[in-house]
Amino acid sequence: MSDDALQLGTITPQGSGHQGRITRDFDHPPAKVWSMLTESALMAQWLSAGTIEQRLGGKVRIDFVDSGIVIDSEVTAFAAGALIEYSWSSGNEPQRPLRWALTPSASGTHLALTVGVPAGEDAAKACAGFEGHLEMLAAALEGVPIKFPFETYMKARTGYKAMLGG
């Protein structure tokens, strides 16, 4: 990926922490993108193994086997095919809400992801990680899943650090 192709989202103060906002446009219908976000077999192609009960209060479990990180959360906002929110946290950890919102567009689907990052945590790292996963999502939508794009992650992290004055 060239530097010119890397289009970062934004990071703004939110309470005592930060909120990242990353958007993407996909040439695929919302139903296909929604399936990638919520169906276990498809999530594994771009995020990790996991399950999401598609309903308000539904259980969310995402298992990053290689790192030992397991997310156990619940759905806190839900509109079938258009919106799902859950925390990127487990147990007594601080809440790190992820809000995935889909809207139809002329070319397919507009995705807006908001990432809540608690005070004292690295917002640049969190947002850069999702930049990498969204690149993986784009590839999976095209039927050519890729491994985590570490170079994209590093460029994005540098860019987000600069936004934060670091």
N, C-alpha and C. Protein backbone atom coordinates (compact mmCIF):
# COMPACT_ATOMS: atom_id res chain seq x y z
N MET A 1 0.85 -1.17 0.00
CA MET A 1 0.00 0.00 0.00
C MET A 1 0.89 1.23 0.00
N SER A 2 0.63 2.19 -0.88
CA SER A 2 1.44 3.41 -0.92
C SER A 2 0.96 4.38 0.14
N ASP A 3 1.82 5.34 0.48
CA ASP A 3 1.43 6.35 1.46
C ASP A 3 0.21 7.12 0.99
N ASP A 4 0.12 7.36 -0.32
CA ASP A 4 -1.01 8.11 -0.86
C ASP A 4 -2.32 7.38 -0.67
N ALA A 5 -2.29 6.04 -0.67
CA ALA A 5 -3.51 5.25 -0.55
C ALA A 5 -4.01 5.15 0.89
N LEU A 6 -3.16 5.47 1.86
CA LEU A 6 -3.54 5.34 3.26
C LEU A 6 -4.36 6.57 3.68
N GLN A 7 -5.64 6.35 3.87
CA GLN A 7 -6.54 7.43 4.29
C GLN A 7 -7.02 7.10 5.69
N LEU A 8 -6.50 7.84 6.65
CA LEU A 8 -6.83 7.57 8.05
C LEU A 8 -8.16 8.18 8.43
N GLY A 9 -8.70 7.65 9.51
CA GLY A 9 -9.90 8.22 10.11
C GLY A 9 -9.50 9.40 10.98
N THR A 10 -10.27 9.61 12.03
CA THR A 10 -9.99 10.70 12.96
C THR A 10 -9.97 10.15 14.38
N ILE A 11 -9.28 10.86 15.25
CA ILE A 11 -9.31 10.55 16.68
C ILE A 11 -9.61 11.87 17.39
N THR A 12 -10.64 11.84 18.24
CA THR A 12 -11.02 13.04 18.99
C THR A 12 -11.15 12.70 20.47
N PRO A 13 -10.96 13.71 21.33
CA PRO A 13 -11.19 13.47 22.76
C PRO A 13 -12.65 13.06 22.99
N GLN A 14 -12.84 12.12 23.88
CA GLN A 14 -14.18 11.63 24.25
C GLN A 14 -14.16 11.35 25.74
N GLY A 15 -14.80 12.19 26.53
CA GLY A 15 -14.73 12.03 27.98
C GLY A 15 -13.28 12.13 28.41
N SER A 16 -12.82 11.16 29.19
CA SER A 16 -11.42 11.15 29.61
C SER A 16 -10.53 10.36 28.66
N GLY A 17 -11.12 9.77 27.63
CA GLY A 17 -10.35 8.98 26.66
C GLY A 17 -10.43 9.59 25.28
N HIS A 18 -10.52 8.72 24.28
CA HIS A 18 -10.60 9.14 22.89
C HIS A 18 -11.61 8.30 22.13
N GLN A 19 -12.02 8.84 20.99
CA GLN A 19 -12.88 8.07 20.08
C GLN A 19 -12.29 8.17 18.68
N GLY A 20 -12.08 7.01 18.07
CA GLY A 20 -11.65 6.96 16.69
C GLY A 20 -12.86 6.77 15.80
N ARG A 21 -12.78 7.33 14.62
CA ARG A 21 -13.84 7.14 13.62
C ARG A 21 -13.15 6.82 12.30
N ILE A 22 -13.47 5.65 11.76
CA ILE A 22 -12.87 5.17 10.53
C ILE A 22 -14.00 4.80 9.59
N THR A 23 -13.91 5.24 8.35
CA THR A 23 -14.97 4.93 7.38
C THR A 23 -14.38 4.21 6.17
N ARG A 24 -15.23 3.45 5.53
CA ARG A 24 -14.87 2.76 4.30
C ARG A 24 -16.11 2.69 3.41
N ASP A 25 -15.88 2.69 2.12
CA ASP A 25 -16.94 2.46 1.14
C ASP A 25 -16.61 1.18 0.40
N PHE A 26 -17.59 0.31 0.31
CA PHE A 26 -17.41 -0.99 -0.34
C PHE A 26 -18.37 -1.11 -1.51
N ASP A 27 -17.91 -1.70 -2.59
CA ASP A 27 -18.74 -1.94 -3.77
C ASP A 27 -19.51 -3.25 -3.61
N HIS A 28 -20.13 -3.40 -2.47
CA HIS A 28 -20.91 -4.59 -2.15
C HIS A 28 -22.17 -4.14 -1.41
N PRO A 29 -23.26 -4.87 -1.55
CA PRO A 29 -24.51 -4.47 -0.86
C PRO A 29 -24.38 -4.59 0.65
N PRO A 30 -25.15 -3.77 1.38
CA PRO A 30 -25.11 -3.82 2.84
C PRO A 30 -25.30 -5.22 3.42
N ALA A 31 -26.15 -6.03 2.83
CA ALA A 31 -26.40 -7.37 3.38
C ALA A 31 -25.12 -8.21 3.37
N LYS A 32 -24.30 -8.07 2.34
CA LYS A 32 -23.05 -8.84 2.26
C LYS A 32 -22.06 -8.34 3.31
N VAL A 33 -21.95 -7.02 3.46
CA VAL A 33 -21.03 -6.46 4.45
C VAL A 33 -21.50 -6.85 5.85
N TRP A 34 -22.80 -6.77 6.09
CA TRP A 34 -23.36 -7.14 7.39
C TRP A 34 -23.01 -8.60 7.73
N SER A 35 -23.15 -9.48 6.77
CA SER A 35 -22.82 -10.89 7.00
C SER A 35 -21.36 -11.04 7.41
N MET A 36 -20.46 -10.29 6.76
CA MET A 36 -19.03 -10.36 7.10
C MET A 36 -18.79 -9.89 8.54
N LEU A 37 -19.58 -8.92 9.00
CA LEU A 37 -19.41 -8.37 10.35
C LEU A 37 -19.98 -9.27 11.43
N THR A 38 -20.94 -10.11 11.10
CA THR A 38 -21.70 -10.79 12.14
C THR A 38 -21.75 -12.31 12.08
N GLU A 39 -21.40 -12.92 10.95
CA GLU A 39 -21.50 -14.38 10.82
C GLU A 39 -20.14 -15.02 11.11
N SER A 40 -20.15 -15.99 11.99
CA SER A 40 -18.92 -16.62 12.48
C SER A 40 -17.94 -17.05 11.39
N ALA A 41 -18.41 -17.78 10.41
CA ALA A 41 -17.51 -18.29 9.37
C ALA A 41 -16.89 -17.16 8.57
N LEU A 42 -17.62 -16.08 8.37
CA LEU A 42 -17.11 -14.96 7.60
C LEU A 42 -16.23 -14.05 8.44
N MET A 43 -16.55 -13.86 9.71
CA MET A 43 -15.71 -13.05 10.61
C MET A 43 -14.30 -13.62 10.68
N ALA A 44 -14.19 -14.92 10.66
CA ALA A 44 -12.88 -15.58 10.77
C ALA A 44 -11.97 -15.24 9.60
N GLN A 45 -12.55 -14.78 8.47
CA GLN A 45 -11.74 -14.43 7.30
C GLN A 45 -11.03 -13.09 7.44
N TRP A 46 -11.50 -12.22 8.35
CA TRP A 46 -10.90 -10.89 8.40
C TRP A 46 -10.67 -10.37 9.83
N LEU A 47 -11.27 -10.98 10.81
CA LEU A 47 -11.12 -10.50 12.19
C LEU A 47 -10.53 -11.61 13.04
N SER A 48 -11.34 -12.57 13.42
CA SER A 48 -10.90 -13.73 14.17
C SER A 48 -12.09 -14.65 14.38
N ALA A 49 -11.81 -15.82 14.93
CA ALA A 49 -12.90 -16.74 15.24
C ALA A 49 -13.80 -16.08 16.28
N GLY A 50 -15.09 -16.24 16.10
CA GLY A 50 -15.99 -15.65 17.09
C GLY A 50 -17.44 -15.89 16.77
N THR A 51 -18.28 -15.46 17.71
CA THR A 51 -19.72 -15.54 17.54
C THR A 51 -20.35 -14.26 18.06
N ILE A 52 -21.40 -13.84 17.39
CA ILE A 52 -22.18 -12.68 17.82
C ILE A 52 -23.65 -13.07 17.73
N GLU A 53 -24.34 -12.97 18.86
CA GLU A 53 -25.80 -13.17 18.87
C GLU A 53 -26.42 -11.86 18.40
N GLN A 54 -27.06 -11.90 17.24
CA GLN A 54 -27.57 -10.70 16.61
C GLN A 54 -28.88 -10.23 17.23
N ARG A 55 -28.73 -9.62 18.40
CA ARG A 55 -29.88 -9.04 19.11
C ARG A 55 -29.34 -8.18 20.25
N LEU A 56 -30.11 -7.22 20.68
CA LEU A 56 -29.73 -6.39 21.82
C LEU A 56 -29.53 -7.30 23.03
N GLY A 57 -28.41 -7.18 23.69
CA GLY A 57 -28.09 -8.03 24.83
C GLY A 57 -27.46 -9.36 24.45
N GLY A 58 -27.32 -9.62 23.15
CA GLY A 58 -26.72 -10.87 22.69
C GLY A 58 -25.27 -10.97 23.08
N LYS A 59 -24.81 -12.19 23.24
CA LYS A 59 -23.42 -12.45 23.63
C LYS A 59 -22.48 -12.28 22.44
N VAL A 60 -21.30 -11.73 22.73
CA VAL A 60 -20.24 -11.58 21.74
C VAL A 60 -19.01 -12.27 22.30
N ARG A 61 -18.43 -13.14 21.51
CA ARG A 61 -17.18 -13.81 21.91
C ARG A 61 -16.27 -13.84 20.70
N ILE A 62 -15.11 -13.23 20.84
CA ILE A 62 -14.11 -13.20 19.77
C ILE A 62 -12.82 -13.71 20.38
N ASP A 63 -12.25 -14.73 19.76
CA ASP A 63 -11.08 -15.42 20.31
C ASP A 63 -9.89 -15.27 19.36
N PHE A 64 -8.94 -14.45 19.78
CA PHE A 64 -7.70 -14.29 19.02
C PHE A 64 -6.73 -15.35 19.51
N VAL A 65 -6.87 -16.53 18.99
CA VAL A 65 -6.15 -17.72 19.45
C VAL A 65 -4.64 -17.49 19.53
N ASP A 66 -4.07 -16.88 18.49
CA ASP A 66 -2.62 -16.71 18.45
C ASP A 66 -2.08 -15.83 19.57
N SER A 67 -2.89 -14.85 20.01
CA SER A 67 -2.40 -13.92 21.04
C SER A 67 -2.90 -14.27 22.44
N GLY A 68 -3.88 -15.15 22.53
CA GLY A 68 -4.46 -15.47 23.82
C GLY A 68 -5.53 -14.49 24.28
N ILE A 69 -5.84 -13.48 23.46
CA ILE A 69 -6.86 -12.49 23.82
C ILE A 69 -8.24 -13.03 23.47
N VAL A 70 -9.14 -12.97 24.43
CA VAL A 70 -10.52 -13.39 24.23
C VAL A 70 -11.42 -12.23 24.65
N ILE A 71 -12.31 -11.85 23.77
CA ILE A 71 -13.28 -10.80 24.06
C ILE A 71 -14.59 -11.47 24.42
N ASP A 72 -15.10 -11.18 25.61
CA ASP A 72 -16.43 -11.63 26.02
C ASP A 72 -17.22 -10.37 26.33
N SER A 73 -18.25 -10.11 25.55
CA SER A 73 -18.98 -8.86 25.65
C SER A 73 -20.45 -9.12 25.36
N GLU A 74 -21.20 -8.04 25.19
CA GLU A 74 -22.59 -8.18 24.78
C GLU A 74 -22.97 -7.04 23.86
N VAL A 75 -23.97 -7.28 23.03
CA VAL A 75 -24.45 -6.29 22.08
C VAL A 75 -25.21 -5.21 22.85
N THR A 76 -24.76 -3.96 22.67
CA THR A 76 -25.37 -2.83 23.40
C THR A 76 -26.22 -1.93 22.51
N ALA A 77 -26.12 -2.08 21.20
CA ALA A 77 -26.99 -1.37 20.25
C ALA A 77 -27.13 -2.28 19.04
N PHE A 78 -28.34 -2.32 18.47
CA PHE A 78 -28.58 -3.25 17.38
C PHE A 78 -29.72 -2.80 16.50
N ALA A 79 -29.50 -2.81 15.20
CA ALA A 79 -30.54 -2.65 14.19
C ALA A 79 -30.13 -3.60 13.06
N ALA A 80 -30.89 -4.67 12.89
CA ALA A 80 -30.52 -5.73 11.94
C ALA A 80 -30.12 -5.16 10.58
N GLY A 81 -28.94 -5.58 10.13
CA GLY A 81 -28.45 -5.18 8.83
C GLY A 81 -27.85 -3.79 8.74
N ALA A 82 -27.92 -3.03 9.84
CA ALA A 82 -27.47 -1.64 9.77
C ALA A 82 -26.55 -1.19 10.90
N LEU A 83 -26.70 -1.75 12.10
CA LEU A 83 -25.94 -1.24 13.24
C LEU A 83 -25.72 -2.34 14.28
N ILE A 84 -24.49 -2.44 14.73
CA ILE A 84 -24.20 -3.32 15.86
C ILE A 84 -23.09 -2.67 16.68
N GLU A 85 -23.28 -2.71 17.99
CA GLU A 85 -22.29 -2.15 18.91
C GLU A 85 -22.05 -3.14 20.04
N TYR A 86 -20.78 -3.29 20.39
CA TYR A 86 -20.39 -4.12 21.52
C TYR A 86 -19.06 -3.60 22.02
N SER A 87 -18.66 -4.03 23.20
CA SER A 87 -17.39 -3.58 23.74
C SER A 87 -16.27 -4.52 23.34
N TRP A 88 -15.12 -3.95 23.08
CA TRP A 88 -13.91 -4.68 22.74
C TRP A 88 -13.18 -5.00 24.04
N SER A 89 -13.93 -5.50 25.02
CA SER A 89 -13.41 -5.73 26.37
C SER A 89 -13.94 -7.05 26.90
N SER A 90 -13.35 -7.47 28.00
CA SER A 90 -13.82 -8.65 28.71
C SER A 90 -13.84 -8.37 30.21
N GLY A 91 -14.74 -9.03 30.89
CA GLY A 91 -14.76 -8.97 32.35
C GLY A 91 -14.83 -7.56 32.90
N ASN A 92 -13.92 -7.26 33.83
CA ASN A 92 -13.91 -5.96 34.50
C ASN A 92 -13.04 -4.92 33.80
N GLU A 93 -12.59 -5.21 32.58
CA GLU A 93 -11.79 -4.24 31.84
C GLU A 93 -12.63 -3.00 31.53
N PRO A 94 -11.97 -1.86 31.28
CA PRO A 94 -12.72 -0.67 30.88
C PRO A 94 -13.47 -0.94 29.58
N GLN A 95 -14.59 -0.27 29.42
CA GLN A 95 -15.37 -0.43 28.20
C GLN A 95 -14.64 0.20 27.01
N ARG A 96 -14.63 -0.51 25.90
CA ARG A 96 -14.02 -0.05 24.65
C ARG A 96 -15.06 -0.28 23.55
N PRO A 97 -16.08 0.57 23.50
CA PRO A 97 -17.17 0.31 22.55
C PRO A 97 -16.74 0.39 21.09
N LEU A 98 -17.23 -0.57 20.32
CA LEU A 98 -17.10 -0.57 18.87
C LEU A 98 -18.50 -0.43 18.30
N ARG A 99 -18.67 0.51 17.41
CA ARG A 99 -19.98 0.73 16.79
C ARG A 99 -19.80 0.64 15.27
N TRP A 100 -20.40 -0.38 14.68
CA TRP A 100 -20.34 -0.62 13.25
C TRP A 100 -21.67 -0.17 12.64
N ALA A 101 -21.66 0.86 11.80
CA ALA A 101 -22.89 1.36 11.20
C ALA A 101 -22.77 1.28 9.68
N LEU A 102 -23.77 0.68 9.05
CA LEU A 102 -23.80 0.51 7.60
C LEU A 102 -24.93 1.34 7.01
N THR A 103 -24.63 2.03 5.91
CA THR A 103 -25.68 2.72 5.17
C THR A 103 -25.49 2.41 3.69
N PRO A 104 -26.59 2.23 2.97
CA PRO A 104 -26.48 2.02 1.53
C PRO A 104 -25.87 3.25 0.87
N SER A 105 -25.10 3.03 -0.17
CA SER A 105 -24.53 4.14 -0.94
C SER A 105 -24.75 3.85 -2.43
N ALA A 106 -24.43 4.82 -3.26
CA ALA A 106 -24.62 4.65 -4.70
C ALA A 106 -23.83 3.46 -5.22
N SER A 107 -22.64 3.22 -4.64
CA SER A 107 -21.80 2.13 -5.12
C SER A 107 -21.95 0.84 -4.32
N GLY A 108 -22.64 0.88 -3.21
CA GLY A 108 -22.80 -0.32 -2.39
C GLY A 108 -23.09 0.00 -0.93
N THR A 109 -22.02 0.10 -0.12
CA THR A 109 -22.19 0.28 1.32
C THR A 109 -21.16 1.24 1.88
N HIS A 110 -21.63 2.14 2.73
CA HIS A 110 -20.74 3.01 3.51
C HIS A 110 -20.70 2.44 4.93
N LEU A 111 -19.49 2.16 5.41
CA LEU A 111 -19.31 1.65 6.78
C LEU A 111 -18.65 2.74 7.61
N ALA A 112 -19.21 3.01 8.78
CA ALA A 112 -18.60 3.93 9.74
C ALA A 112 -18.36 3.14 11.03
N LEU A 113 -17.10 3.07 11.42
CA LEU A 113 -16.71 2.38 12.64
C LEU A 113 -16.25 3.41 13.66
N THR A 114 -16.84 3.39 14.85
CA THR A 114 -16.33 4.22 15.94
C THR A 114 -15.72 3.30 16.97
N VAL A 115 -14.56 3.71 17.47
CA VAL A 115 -13.76 2.92 18.39
C VAL A 115 -13.55 3.74 19.66
N GLY A 116 -14.11 3.32 20.77
CA GLY A 116 -13.90 4.00 22.05
C GLY A 116 -12.63 3.50 22.71
N VAL A 117 -11.78 4.43 23.14
CA VAL A 117 -10.51 4.07 23.77
C VAL A 117 -10.45 4.76 25.13
N PRO A 118 -10.38 3.99 26.23
CA PRO A 118 -10.36 4.57 27.57
C PRO A 118 -9.09 5.40 27.81
N ALA A 119 -9.19 6.28 28.79
CA ALA A 119 -8.04 7.09 29.21
C ALA A 119 -6.86 6.19 29.55
N GLY A 120 -5.68 6.63 29.19
CA GLY A 120 -4.47 5.88 29.52
C GLY A 120 -4.12 4.78 28.53
N GLU A 121 -4.98 4.53 27.55
CA GLU A 121 -4.69 3.52 26.53
C GLU A 121 -4.27 4.19 25.24
N ASP A 122 -3.59 3.45 24.40
CA ASP A 122 -3.00 3.96 23.17
C ASP A 122 -4.05 4.00 22.05
N ALA A 123 -4.66 5.17 21.85
CA ALA A 123 -5.69 5.33 20.82
C ALA A 123 -5.12 5.12 19.42
N ALA A 124 -3.87 5.54 19.20
CA ALA A 124 -3.24 5.35 17.88
C ALA A 124 -3.11 3.87 17.56
N LYS A 125 -2.72 3.09 18.54
CA LYS A 125 -2.56 1.64 18.35
C LYS A 125 -3.91 0.99 18.06
N ALA A 126 -4.94 1.38 18.82
CA ALA A 126 -6.26 0.79 18.64
C ALA A 126 -6.81 1.08 17.24
N CYS A 127 -6.74 2.34 16.84
CA CYS A 127 -7.28 2.70 15.53
C CYS A 127 -6.46 2.09 14.40
N ALA A 128 -5.15 2.05 14.55
CA ALA A 128 -4.30 1.44 13.53
C ALA A 128 -4.62 -0.04 13.37
N GLY A 129 -4.90 -0.72 14.47
CA GLY A 129 -5.28 -2.12 14.39
C GLY A 129 -6.54 -2.31 13.57
N PHE A 130 -7.51 -1.42 13.76
CA PHE A 130 -8.74 -1.54 12.97
C PHE A 130 -8.53 -1.14 11.52
N GLU A 131 -7.59 -0.25 11.24
CA GLU A 131 -7.24 0.04 9.84
C GLU A 131 -6.79 -1.26 9.17
N GLY A 132 -5.95 -2.03 9.85
CA GLY A 132 -5.49 -3.31 9.31
C GLY A 132 -6.64 -4.28 9.10
N HIS A 133 -7.51 -4.39 10.09
CA HIS A 133 -8.63 -5.33 9.97
C HIS A 133 -9.61 -4.90 8.89
N LEU A 134 -9.79 -3.59 8.70
CA LEU A 134 -10.68 -3.15 7.63
C LEU A 134 -10.09 -3.44 6.25
N GLU A 135 -8.77 -3.40 6.14
CA GLU A 135 -8.13 -3.81 4.89
C GLU A 135 -8.38 -5.30 4.66
N MET A 136 -8.32 -6.09 5.73
CA MET A 136 -8.61 -7.52 5.63
C MET A 136 -10.07 -7.74 5.25
N LEU A 137 -10.98 -6.93 5.80
CA LEU A 137 -12.40 -7.03 5.45
C LEU A 137 -12.60 -6.76 3.96
N ALA A 138 -11.97 -5.70 3.46
CA ALA A 138 -12.10 -5.38 2.02
C ALA A 138 -11.64 -6.55 1.16
N ALA A 139 -10.52 -7.16 1.52
CA ALA A 139 -10.01 -8.30 0.75
C ALA A 139 -10.97 -9.50 0.84
N ALA A 140 -11.47 -9.76 2.03
CA ALA A 140 -12.40 -10.89 2.22
C ALA A 140 -13.69 -10.67 1.41
N LEU A 141 -14.16 -9.44 1.35
CA LEU A 141 -15.35 -9.15 0.54
C LEU A 141 -15.11 -9.46 -0.93
N GLU A 142 -13.87 -9.34 -1.38
CA GLU A 142 -13.52 -9.64 -2.77
C GLU A 142 -13.21 -11.13 -2.97
N GLY A 143 -13.28 -11.91 -1.87
CA GLY A 143 -13.04 -13.34 -1.99
C GLY A 143 -11.58 -13.73 -1.95
N VAL A 144 -10.71 -12.82 -1.48
CA VAL A 144 -9.27 -13.10 -1.41
C VAL A 144 -8.74 -12.70 -0.03
N PRO A 145 -9.13 -13.45 1.01
CA PRO A 145 -8.68 -13.10 2.37
C PRO A 145 -7.16 -12.98 2.44
N ILE A 146 -6.70 -12.03 3.27
CA ILE A 146 -5.26 -11.79 3.45
C ILE A 146 -4.91 -11.90 4.93
N LYS A 147 -3.63 -12.04 5.19
CA LYS A 147 -3.15 -12.00 6.58
C LYS A 147 -3.13 -10.56 7.05
N PHE A 148 -3.01 -10.37 8.35
CA PHE A 148 -3.00 -9.02 8.90
C PHE A 148 -1.90 -8.19 8.24
N PRO A 149 -2.26 -7.02 7.67
CA PRO A 149 -1.29 -6.19 6.95
C PRO A 149 -0.46 -5.32 7.89
N PHE A 150 0.62 -5.88 8.39
CA PHE A 150 1.43 -5.22 9.41
C PHE A 150 1.99 -3.88 8.92
N GLU A 151 2.36 -3.79 7.65
CA GLU A 151 2.90 -2.53 7.12
C GLU A 151 1.84 -1.43 7.18
N THR A 152 0.62 -1.76 6.81
CA THR A 152 -0.49 -0.79 6.89
C THR A 152 -0.68 -0.36 8.34
N TYR A 153 -0.67 -1.33 9.24
CA TYR A 153 -0.82 -1.04 10.67
C TYR A 153 0.26 -0.06 11.14
N MET A 154 1.50 -0.30 10.78
CA MET A 154 2.59 0.56 11.23
C MET A 154 2.46 1.98 10.67
N LYS A 155 2.12 2.10 9.38
CA LYS A 155 1.92 3.43 8.78
C LYS A 155 0.75 4.15 9.45
N ALA A 156 -0.32 3.41 9.68
CA ALA A 156 -1.50 4.01 10.31
C ALA A 156 -1.19 4.44 11.74
N ARG A 157 -0.45 3.63 12.45
CA ARG A 157 -0.11 3.98 13.84
C ARG A 157 0.72 5.26 13.88
N THR A 158 1.67 5.38 12.97
CA THR A 158 2.48 6.60 12.88
C THR A 158 1.58 7.81 12.58
N GLY A 159 0.66 7.65 11.63
CA GLY A 159 -0.25 8.73 11.28
C GLY A 159 -1.17 9.13 12.42
N TYR A 160 -1.70 8.15 13.12
CA TYR A 160 -2.58 8.46 14.25
C TYR A 160 -1.80 9.08 15.41
N LYS A 161 -0.58 8.63 15.64
CA LYS A 161 0.25 9.26 16.68
C LYS A 161 0.45 10.73 16.37
N ALA A 162 0.70 11.04 15.10
CA ALA A 162 0.89 12.43 14.70
C ALA A 162 -0.39 13.24 14.97
N MET A 163 -1.55 12.66 14.71
CA MET A 163 -2.82 13.35 15.00
C MET A 163 -2.93 13.71 16.48
N LEU A 164 -2.41 12.81 17.30
CA LEU A 164 -2.51 13.00 18.75
C LEU A 164 -1.36 13.85 19.30
N GLY A 165 -0.51 14.32 18.40
CA GLY A 165 0.59 15.16 18.83
C GLY A 165 1.80 14.40 19.35
N GLY A 166 1.89 13.12 19.01
CA GLY A 166 2.98 12.29 19.52
C GLY A 166 4.06 11.99 18.52
